[in-house]
Amino acid sequence: MDHMSPRLRAFLSEPIGEKDVAWVDGVSRELAINLCTKGFNKAYTLLGQFLLMHKNEAEFQKWLICCCGATECEAWESSNCLKEWCSCFL
């Protein structure tokens, strides 16, 4: 876990529960607003989208960029965060 950002480490330290989507590593304030507008206000709803895409990181990143206005960096960090969470908890 040495290579992880503090935000990613905090996200992975416990189950998702009712965390807001802004807790997901890589989700900026602006991206969180865009996601909430589209109905993804909780981290678990964003995780659900990731799982519906069969944990395909490239597809999920493309969706975040095209449909939600994420930058490439935000999309990569977010998909990595959810992938790591799945590795820890699923």
Protein backbone atom coordinates (compact mmCIF):
# COMPACT_ATOMS: atom_id res chain seq x y z
CA MET A 1 0.00 0.00 0.00
CA ASP A 2 3.06 2.25 -0.12
CA HIS A 3 2.29 3.42 -3.66
CA MET A 4 -1.27 4.48 -2.79
CA SER A 5 -2.42 8.03 -2.28
CA PRO A 6 -3.77 8.86 1.18
CA ARG A 7 -7.23 9.26 -0.34
CA LEU A 8 -7.11 5.81 -1.95
CA ARG A 9 -5.77 4.26 1.25
CA ALA A 10 -8.65 5.83 3.22
CA PHE A 11 -11.23 4.60 0.70
CA LEU A 12 -9.88 1.05 0.87
CA SER A 13 -9.72 1.00 4.65
CA GLU A 14 -13.39 0.07 5.06
CA PRO A 15 -16.51 -1.05 3.18
CA ILE A 16 -18.22 1.53 0.94
CA GLY A 17 -21.37 1.80 3.05
CA GLU A 18 -23.14 5.10 2.41
CA LYS A 19 -20.09 7.13 1.31
CA ASP A 20 -20.75 9.95 -1.11
CA VAL A 21 -19.31 9.56 -4.59
CA ALA A 22 -16.76 12.29 -3.77
CA TRP A 23 -14.98 9.77 -1.51
CA VAL A 24 -13.87 7.78 -4.58
CA ASP A 25 -10.21 8.52 -5.35
CA GLY A 26 -9.98 10.54 -8.55
CA VAL A 27 -13.40 12.16 -8.24
CA SER A 28 -12.94 15.92 -8.12
CA ARG A 29 -15.59 18.31 -6.84
CA GLU A 30 -16.65 19.13 -10.40
CA LEU A 31 -16.83 15.47 -11.42
CA ALA A 32 -18.81 14.66 -8.26
CA ILE A 33 -21.36 17.32 -9.23
CA ASN A 34 -21.61 15.86 -12.76
CA LEU A 35 -22.03 12.35 -11.37
CA CYS A 36 -24.70 13.45 -8.88
CA THR A 37 -26.59 15.15 -11.71
CA LYS A 38 -26.66 11.78 -13.50
CA GLY A 39 -27.87 9.93 -10.41
CA PHE A 40 -24.52 8.63 -9.15
CA ASN A 41 -24.52 10.36 -5.77
CA LYS A 42 -23.16 7.43 -3.72
CA ALA A 43 -19.91 5.53 -4.13
CA TYR A 44 -21.87 2.27 -4.33
CA THR A 45 -23.82 3.50 -7.36
CA LEU A 46 -20.57 4.28 -9.16
CA LEU A 47 -19.25 0.86 -8.13
CA GLY A 48 -22.44 -0.64 -9.57
CA GLN A 49 -21.73 1.00 -12.93
CA PHE A 50 -18.17 -0.38 -12.80
CA LEU A 51 -19.54 -3.86 -12.09
CA LEU A 52 -22.18 -3.57 -14.85
CA MET A 53 -19.25 -2.97 -17.19
CA HIS A 54 -17.75 -6.25 -15.92
CA LYS A 55 -14.89 -4.38 -14.22
CA ASN A 56 -13.59 -3.38 -17.66
CA GLU A 57 -11.40 -0.43 -16.74
CA ALA A 58 -11.01 0.92 -20.27
CA GLU A 59 -14.78 0.89 -20.87
CA PHE A 60 -15.48 2.48 -17.49
CA GLN A 61 -12.87 5.20 -18.08
CA LYS A 62 -14.31 5.95 -21.51
CA TRP A 63 -17.80 6.23 -19.97
CA LEU A 64 -16.55 8.60 -17.24
CA ILE A 65 -14.84 10.81 -19.82
CA CYS A 66 -17.57 10.82 -22.47
CA CYS A 67 -20.70 10.81 -20.31
CA CYS A 68 -19.59 12.49 -17.10
CA GLY A 69 -16.90 14.96 -18.14
CA ALA A 70 -13.98 13.32 -16.30
CA THR A 71 -10.40 14.03 -17.29
CA GLU A 72 -8.22 11.09 -18.30
CA CYS A 73 -6.44 11.30 -14.95
CA GLU A 74 -9.72 11.34 -13.00
CA ALA A 75 -11.03 8.40 -15.03
CA TRP A 76 -7.87 6.34 -14.44
CA GLU A 77 -7.72 7.10 -10.71
CA SER A 78 -11.43 6.35 -10.25
CA SER A 79 -11.34 3.05 -12.11
CA ASN A 80 -8.18 2.05 -10.25
CA CYS A 81 -9.83 2.92 -6.93
CA LEU A 82 -12.88 0.79 -7.67
CA LYS A 83 -10.73 -2.06 -9.02
CA GLU A 84 -8.64 -2.04 -5.84
CA TRP A 85 -11.77 -1.91 -3.68
CA CYS A 86 -13.16 -4.96 -5.51
CA SER A 87 -9.89 -6.79 -4.91
CA CYS A 88 -10.14 -6.08 -1.19
CA PHE A 89 -13.85 -6.64 -0.58
CA LEU A 90 -15.31 -8.91 -3.29
